[in-house]
């Protein structure tokens, strides 16, 4: 397994866990809002983001060397989700989701390097 600073890995696990929670909560919010918020492609991307965040956090918690691969995928999916949520940046909840996704993307990109 590539050597990563324990604190950096802990920070990444925390970022993934936070992003997972924010995406799941925001999916519910988007369904309540309707319209563009509830676009099926947008909701699907947010669910995929939540799923890969959970998978990456779990891999790191297990000490699985495959975390470099899940983190690489997580970083990319989180960037896509951040961009999609930022498209609705007039909405504070969507800004919060975009920010959580960006933080997770940056952290996972470091873990995948």
Protein backbone atom coordinates (compact mmCIF):
# COMPACT_ATOMS: atom_id res chain seq x y z
CA UNK A 1 0.00 0.00 0.00
CA UNK A 2 1.38 3.44 -0.81
CA UNK A 3 2.43 5.25 2.32
CA UNK A 4 0.17 8.15 3.20
CA UNK A 5 0.43 10.31 6.25
CA UNK A 6 -2.10 9.02 8.80
CA UNK A 7 -3.52 12.51 9.38
CA UNK A 8 -3.96 13.08 5.64
CA UNK A 9 -5.76 9.76 5.28
CA UNK A 10 -7.97 10.55 8.28
CA UNK A 11 -8.79 13.92 6.71
CA UNK A 12 -9.68 12.18 3.44
CA UNK A 13 -11.90 9.65 5.23
CA UNK A 14 -13.64 12.56 6.96
CA UNK A 15 -14.06 14.46 3.67
CA UNK A 16 -15.51 11.36 1.98
CA UNK A 17 -17.86 10.68 4.88
CA UNK A 18 -19.02 14.31 4.93
CA UNK A 19 -19.51 14.40 1.15
CA UNK A 20 -21.50 11.16 1.26
CA UNK A 21 -23.81 12.59 3.93
CA UNK A 22 -24.23 15.95 2.19
CA UNK A 23 -25.04 14.31 -1.15
CA UNK A 24 -27.61 11.95 0.39
CA UNK A 25 -29.26 14.82 2.29
CA UNK A 26 -29.19 17.03 -0.83
CA UNK A 27 -30.87 14.34 -2.94
CA UNK A 28 -33.84 14.49 -0.59
CA UNK A 29 -33.78 18.30 -0.74
CA UNK A 30 -33.66 18.25 -4.56
CA UNK A 31 -36.65 15.92 -4.74
CA UNK A 32 -38.59 18.31 -2.50
CA UNK A 33 -37.59 21.31 -4.66
CA UNK A 34 -38.55 19.69 -7.97
CA UNK A 35 -37.77 21.29 -11.32
CA UNK A 36 -34.11 21.33 -12.38
CA UNK A 37 -33.12 20.17 -8.89
CA UNK A 38 -34.96 16.89 -9.48
CA UNK A 39 -33.54 16.21 -12.94
CA UNK A 40 -32.93 12.42 -13.08
CA UNK A 41 -29.38 12.82 -14.42
CA UNK A 42 -28.53 15.26 -11.61
CA UNK A 43 -29.98 12.98 -8.93
CA UNK A 44 -28.17 9.98 -10.40
CA UNK A 45 -24.84 11.82 -10.36
CA UNK A 46 -25.35 12.84 -6.73
CA UNK A 47 -26.16 9.22 -5.80
CA UNK A 48 -23.08 7.97 -7.65
CA UNK A 49 -21.02 10.58 -5.80
CA UNK A 50 -22.43 9.47 -2.44
CA UNK A 51 -21.74 5.83 -3.31
CA UNK A 52 -18.11 6.32 -4.41
CA UNK A 53 -17.43 8.50 -1.36
CA UNK A 54 -18.67 5.75 0.93
CA UNK A 55 -16.66 3.13 -0.98
CA UNK A 56 -13.47 5.20 -0.82
CA UNK A 57 -13.86 5.89 2.90
CA UNK A 58 -14.46 2.20 3.56
CA UNK A 59 -11.39 1.16 1.55
CA UNK A 60 -9.19 3.58 3.49
CA UNK A 61 -10.67 2.47 6.82
CA UNK A 62 -9.84 -1.14 5.94
CA UNK A 63 -6.31 -0.19 4.89
CA UNK A 64 -7.00 -1.65 1.45
CA UNK A 65 -4.31 -0.79 -1.11
CA UNK A 66 -7.10 -0.41 -3.68
CA UNK A 67 -7.99 2.89 -2.01
CA UNK A 68 -5.72 4.66 -4.51
CA UNK A 69 -8.06 3.49 -7.29
CA UNK A 70 -11.31 4.25 -5.48
CA UNK A 71 -9.93 7.65 -4.49
CA UNK A 72 -8.97 8.41 -8.09
CA UNK A 73 -12.53 7.60 -9.22
CA UNK A 74 -13.97 9.47 -6.25
CA UNK A 75 -12.01 12.61 -7.09
CA UNK A 76 -13.36 12.61 -10.65
CA UNK A 77 -16.98 11.90 -9.69
CA UNK A 78 -16.84 14.52 -6.93
CA UNK A 79 -15.56 17.11 -9.44
CA UNK A 80 -18.48 16.32 -11.76
CA UNK A 81 -20.97 16.53 -8.91
CA UNK A 82 -19.46 19.79 -7.64
CA UNK A 83 -19.81 21.31 -11.10
CA UNK A 84 -23.43 20.14 -11.39
CA UNK A 85 -24.35 21.51 -7.98
CA UNK A 86 -22.48 24.76 -8.65
CA UNK A 87 -24.73 25.25 -11.69
CA UNK A 88 -27.48 25.93 -9.11
CA UNK A 89 -25.25 28.14 -6.93
CA UNK A 90 -28.05 30.63 -6.30
CA UNK A 91 -29.31 27.97 -3.88
CA UNK A 92 -27.33 27.86 -0.59
CA UNK A 93 -27.95 24.13 -0.17
CA UNK A 94 -26.50 23.43 -3.62
CA UNK A 95 -23.47 25.62 -2.84
CA UNK A 96 -22.90 23.59 0.33
CA UNK A 97 -23.04 20.37 -1.68
CA UNK A 98 -20.64 21.75 -4.31
CA UNK A 99 -18.18 22.79 -1.59
CA UNK A 100 -18.29 19.37 0.13
CA UNK A 101 -17.72 17.69 -3.23
CA UNK A 102 -14.78 19.97 -4.05
CA UNK A 103 -13.13 19.34 -0.68
CA UNK A 104 -13.54 15.61 -1.14
CA UNK A 105 -12.23 15.73 -4.72
CA UNK A 106 -9.09 17.57 -3.61
CA UNK A 107 -8.46 15.22 -0.70
CA UNK A 108 -9.06 12.08 -2.78
CA UNK A 109 -6.82 13.38 -5.57
CA UNK A 110 -4.00 13.64 -3.00
CA UNK A 111 -4.66 10.08 -1.78
CA UNK A 112 -4.66 8.76 -5.37
CA UNK A 113 -1.32 10.43 -6.21
